[in-house]
Amino acid sequence: MPDAALDTIFKAYDVRGIYPDEIDEVFAVPIPALAHPNLVEEREVLLNGRRRTLRLYHVGRHVVWGVTARILQNLLERLGLGDERWHGEGLE
């Protein structure tokens, strides 16, 4: 999959072996389930003095957010399952 469009100067790396504390838990979710509108939340937050809209996925007792949520959003859009109208601002 190509790099996700992220509003950041940072690059995403697989850190599971390098920084094990970065990942709380690994779990499986059917991809179409992530497209269900009841699992998606758009939350307004204030970061560094700027208003941002973040996308969160609520999956059971888990909340997927940040770069992982942006990557999932990108994947869902490419599969024709995402809401391409949503263009929230990412973290900087």
N, C-alpha and C. Protein backbone atom coordinates (compact mmCIF):
# COMPACT_ATOMS: atom_id res chain seq x y z
N MET A 1 0.85 -1.17 0.00
CA MET A 1 0.00 0.00 0.00
C MET A 1 0.89 1.23 0.00
N PRO A 2 0.56 2.26 -0.78
CA PRO A 2 1.37 3.46 -0.78
C PRO A 2 1.28 4.18 0.56
N ASP A 3 2.22 5.11 0.79
CA ASP A 3 2.20 5.89 2.03
C ASP A 3 0.87 6.60 2.17
N ALA A 4 0.36 6.66 3.40
CA ALA A 4 -0.86 7.41 3.67
C ALA A 4 -0.55 8.90 3.64
N ALA A 5 -1.51 9.68 3.18
CA ALA A 5 -1.35 11.12 3.17
C ALA A 5 -1.48 11.62 4.60
N LEU A 6 -0.38 12.03 5.19
CA LEU A 6 -0.37 12.51 6.56
C LEU A 6 0.09 13.95 6.58
N ASP A 7 -0.58 14.77 7.41
CA ASP A 7 -0.20 16.16 7.56
C ASP A 7 0.88 16.26 8.63
N THR A 8 2.04 15.77 8.31
CA THR A 8 3.12 15.75 9.28
C THR A 8 4.44 15.66 8.54
N ILE A 9 5.50 16.02 9.24
CA ILE A 9 6.83 15.90 8.65
C ILE A 9 7.46 14.56 9.01
N PHE A 10 6.75 13.76 9.78
CA PHE A 10 7.27 12.48 10.23
C PHE A 10 6.90 11.36 9.28
N LYS A 11 7.68 10.32 9.30
CA LYS A 11 7.41 9.14 8.49
C LYS A 11 7.01 8.00 9.41
N ALA A 12 6.06 7.18 8.99
CA ALA A 12 5.59 6.08 9.81
C ALA A 12 6.45 4.84 9.58
N TYR A 13 6.87 4.22 10.66
CA TYR A 13 7.67 3.00 10.60
C TYR A 13 7.02 1.93 11.45
N ASP A 14 7.30 0.69 11.14
CA ASP A 14 6.86 -0.42 11.96
C ASP A 14 7.79 -0.48 13.17
N VAL A 15 7.24 -0.19 14.35
CA VAL A 15 8.07 -0.10 15.55
C VAL A 15 7.80 -1.24 16.53
N ARG A 16 7.07 -2.26 16.10
CA ARG A 16 6.70 -3.33 17.04
C ARG A 16 7.91 -3.95 17.73
N GLY A 17 8.97 -4.20 17.01
CA GLY A 17 10.14 -4.82 17.62
C GLY A 17 11.07 -3.83 18.29
N ILE A 18 11.04 -2.58 17.85
CA ILE A 18 11.96 -1.57 18.37
C ILE A 18 11.39 -0.90 19.62
N TYR A 19 10.12 -0.51 19.58
CA TYR A 19 9.46 0.18 20.69
C TYR A 19 8.19 -0.58 21.07
N PRO A 20 8.31 -1.68 21.79
CA PRO A 20 7.13 -2.49 22.08
C PRO A 20 6.07 -1.75 22.90
N ASP A 21 6.45 -0.71 23.65
CA ASP A 21 5.46 0.04 24.43
C ASP A 21 4.59 0.95 23.57
N GLU A 22 4.94 1.15 22.31
CA GLU A 22 4.15 2.00 21.41
C GLU A 22 2.82 1.36 21.04
N ILE A 23 2.75 0.06 21.12
CA ILE A 23 1.55 -0.67 20.72
C ILE A 23 0.95 -1.32 21.97
N ASP A 24 -0.28 -0.92 22.26
CA ASP A 24 -0.94 -1.46 23.45
C ASP A 24 -1.40 -2.89 23.23
N GLU A 25 -1.96 -3.15 22.06
CA GLU A 25 -2.50 -4.48 21.77
C GLU A 25 -2.68 -4.62 20.27
N VAL A 26 -2.50 -5.84 19.79
CA VAL A 26 -2.76 -6.15 18.38
C VAL A 26 -4.06 -6.95 18.34
N PHE A 27 -4.98 -6.54 17.46
CA PHE A 27 -6.25 -7.23 17.34
C PHE A 27 -6.71 -7.21 15.89
N ALA A 28 -7.60 -8.10 15.55
CA ALA A 28 -8.09 -8.22 14.17
C ALA A 28 -9.51 -7.66 14.07
N VAL A 29 -9.76 -6.99 12.95
CA VAL A 29 -11.09 -6.44 12.65
C VAL A 29 -11.34 -6.66 11.16
N PRO A 30 -12.51 -7.16 10.77
CA PRO A 30 -12.81 -7.25 9.34
C PRO A 30 -12.81 -5.85 8.72
N ILE A 31 -12.15 -5.68 7.61
CA ILE A 31 -12.02 -4.36 6.99
C ILE A 31 -13.39 -3.71 6.75
N PRO A 32 -14.38 -4.42 6.22
CA PRO A 32 -15.68 -3.74 6.01
C PRO A 32 -16.31 -3.22 7.30
N ALA A 33 -16.00 -3.84 8.44
CA ALA A 33 -16.56 -3.37 9.71
C ALA A 33 -16.09 -1.96 10.02
N LEU A 34 -14.87 -1.61 9.62
CA LEU A 34 -14.34 -0.28 9.89
C LEU A 34 -15.07 0.81 9.12
N ALA A 35 -15.77 0.43 8.07
CA ALA A 35 -16.51 1.41 7.26
C ALA A 35 -17.90 1.69 7.85
N HIS A 36 -18.30 0.96 8.88
CA HIS A 36 -19.62 1.18 9.47
C HIS A 36 -19.65 2.54 10.17
N PRO A 37 -20.61 3.41 9.81
CA PRO A 37 -20.63 4.77 10.35
C PRO A 37 -20.75 4.84 11.87
N ASN A 38 -21.31 3.82 12.51
CA ASN A 38 -21.43 3.85 13.97
C ASN A 38 -20.09 3.65 14.67
N LEU A 39 -19.07 3.22 13.96
CA LEU A 39 -17.75 3.01 14.56
C LEU A 39 -16.84 4.21 14.41
N VAL A 40 -17.24 5.19 13.61
CA VAL A 40 -16.38 6.32 13.29
C VAL A 40 -16.81 7.56 14.06
N GLU A 41 -15.83 8.23 14.64
CA GLU A 41 -16.09 9.49 15.34
C GLU A 41 -15.15 10.55 14.81
N GLU A 42 -15.69 11.72 14.58
CA GLU A 42 -14.86 12.88 14.24
C GLU A 42 -14.86 13.78 15.47
N ARG A 43 -13.68 13.99 16.04
CA ARG A 43 -13.58 14.74 17.29
C ARG A 43 -12.75 16.00 17.08
N GLU A 44 -13.31 17.13 17.52
CA GLU A 44 -12.60 18.41 17.48
C GLU A 44 -11.69 18.50 18.70
N VAL A 45 -10.43 18.81 18.47
CA VAL A 45 -9.47 18.99 19.57
C VAL A 45 -8.65 20.24 19.32
N LEU A 46 -8.03 20.73 20.36
CA LEU A 46 -7.14 21.88 20.26
C LEU A 46 -5.72 21.38 20.49
N LEU A 47 -4.87 21.47 19.48
CA LEU A 47 -3.48 21.03 19.58
C LEU A 47 -2.56 22.16 19.17
N ASN A 48 -1.66 22.49 20.06
CA ASN A 48 -0.71 23.57 19.78
C ASN A 48 -1.41 24.85 19.35
N GLY A 49 -2.54 25.13 20.00
CA GLY A 49 -3.28 26.36 19.72
C GLY A 49 -4.10 26.34 18.44
N ARG A 50 -4.17 25.22 17.77
CA ARG A 50 -4.94 25.12 16.53
C ARG A 50 -6.02 24.06 16.66
N ARG A 51 -7.20 24.36 16.11
CA ARG A 51 -8.29 23.39 16.10
C ARG A 51 -8.02 22.33 15.04
N ARG A 52 -8.21 21.08 15.43
CA ARG A 52 -8.02 19.95 14.53
C ARG A 52 -9.23 19.04 14.62
N THR A 53 -9.53 18.36 13.54
CA THR A 53 -10.55 17.34 13.54
C THR A 53 -9.85 16.00 13.38
N LEU A 54 -10.00 15.14 14.37
CA LEU A 54 -9.37 13.83 14.33
C LEU A 54 -10.42 12.76 14.07
N ARG A 55 -10.03 11.74 13.36
CA ARG A 55 -10.91 10.60 13.12
C ARG A 55 -10.50 9.49 14.08
N LEU A 56 -11.51 8.91 14.72
CA LEU A 56 -11.30 7.78 15.63
C LEU A 56 -12.21 6.65 15.20
N TYR A 57 -11.71 5.42 15.33
CA TYR A 57 -12.50 4.22 15.07
C TYR A 57 -12.71 3.51 16.40
N HIS A 58 -13.97 3.31 16.79
CA HIS A 58 -14.31 2.60 18.01
C HIS A 58 -14.61 1.16 17.65
N VAL A 59 -13.76 0.26 18.09
CA VAL A 59 -13.89 -1.16 17.75
C VAL A 59 -13.92 -1.94 19.05
N GLY A 60 -15.13 -2.32 19.49
CA GLY A 60 -15.25 -3.00 20.77
C GLY A 60 -14.73 -2.11 21.88
N ARG A 61 -13.78 -2.62 22.66
CA ARG A 61 -13.20 -1.81 23.74
C ARG A 61 -11.99 -1.01 23.29
N HIS A 62 -11.68 -1.05 22.00
CA HIS A 62 -10.51 -0.36 21.46
C HIS A 62 -10.89 0.95 20.79
N VAL A 63 -9.96 1.90 20.83
CA VAL A 63 -10.09 3.14 20.05
C VAL A 63 -8.84 3.25 19.20
N VAL A 64 -9.04 3.30 17.90
CA VAL A 64 -7.92 3.44 16.95
C VAL A 64 -7.90 4.89 16.50
N TRP A 65 -6.76 5.55 16.63
CA TRP A 65 -6.68 6.97 16.30
C TRP A 65 -5.28 7.29 15.78
N GLY A 66 -5.02 8.55 15.52
CA GLY A 66 -3.70 9.00 15.10
C GLY A 66 -3.33 8.50 13.72
N VAL A 67 -2.06 8.18 13.57
CA VAL A 67 -1.55 7.75 12.27
C VAL A 67 -2.23 6.45 11.83
N THR A 68 -2.50 5.56 12.77
CA THR A 68 -3.16 4.30 12.41
C THR A 68 -4.54 4.57 11.81
N ALA A 69 -5.29 5.50 12.40
CA ALA A 69 -6.61 5.84 11.86
C ALA A 69 -6.49 6.46 10.48
N ARG A 70 -5.49 7.30 10.26
CA ARG A 70 -5.31 7.91 8.94
C ARG A 70 -4.95 6.86 7.89
N ILE A 71 -4.13 5.88 8.26
CA ILE A 71 -3.78 4.80 7.33
C ILE A 71 -5.02 3.98 7.01
N LEU A 72 -5.82 3.67 8.02
CA LEU A 72 -7.06 2.91 7.78
C LEU A 72 -8.02 3.70 6.90
N GLN A 73 -8.14 5.00 7.14
CA GLN A 73 -9.02 5.84 6.33
C GLN A 73 -8.57 5.79 4.87
N ASN A 74 -7.28 5.91 4.65
CA ASN A 74 -6.73 5.87 3.30
C ASN A 74 -7.03 4.52 2.64
N LEU A 75 -6.83 3.43 3.37
CA LEU A 75 -7.11 2.09 2.84
C LEU A 75 -8.58 1.93 2.49
N LEU A 76 -9.48 2.35 3.39
CA LEU A 76 -10.91 2.23 3.13
C LEU A 76 -11.32 3.02 1.88
N GLU A 77 -10.76 4.21 1.72
CA GLU A 77 -11.08 5.01 0.53
C GLU A 77 -10.60 4.32 -0.73
N ARG A 78 -9.42 3.74 -0.69
CA ARG A 78 -8.89 3.05 -1.87
C ARG A 78 -9.70 1.80 -2.22
N LEU A 79 -10.32 1.20 -1.20
CA LEU A 79 -11.16 0.02 -1.43
C LEU A 79 -12.59 0.40 -1.76
N GLY A 80 -12.89 1.70 -1.80
CA GLY A 80 -14.24 2.15 -2.09
C GLY A 80 -15.18 2.03 -0.91
N LEU A 81 -14.63 1.90 0.30
CA LEU A 81 -15.44 1.73 1.50
C LEU A 81 -15.43 2.95 2.41
N GLY A 82 -14.59 3.92 2.11
CA GLY A 82 -14.44 5.07 3.00
C GLY A 82 -15.32 6.23 2.60
N ASP A 83 -15.37 7.20 3.47
CA ASP A 83 -16.11 8.44 3.21
C ASP A 83 -15.11 9.46 2.67
N GLU A 84 -15.04 9.57 1.36
CA GLU A 84 -14.06 10.44 0.73
C GLU A 84 -14.37 11.92 0.94
N ARG A 85 -15.56 12.22 1.49
CA ARG A 85 -15.91 13.61 1.73
C ARG A 85 -15.22 14.14 2.99
N TRP A 86 -14.77 13.25 3.87
CA TRP A 86 -14.16 13.68 5.12
C TRP A 86 -12.71 13.98 4.88
N HIS A 87 -12.31 15.19 5.18
CA HIS A 87 -10.91 15.56 5.01
C HIS A 87 -10.44 16.30 6.25
N GLY A 88 -10.48 15.62 7.38
CA GLY A 88 -10.06 16.23 8.65
C GLY A 88 -8.59 16.57 8.60
N GLU A 89 -8.20 17.51 9.44
CA GLU A 89 -6.81 17.92 9.50
C GLU A 89 -6.06 16.97 10.40
N GLY A 90 -4.87 16.59 10.01
CA GLY A 90 -4.07 15.67 10.81
C GLY A 90 -3.21 16.40 11.81
N LEU A 91 -2.41 15.65 12.49
CA LEU A 91 -1.51 16.21 13.48
C LEU A 91 -0.28 16.77 12.80
N GLU A 92 0.25 17.81 13.37
CA GLU A 92 1.51 18.35 12.86
C GLU A 92 2.57 18.24 13.91
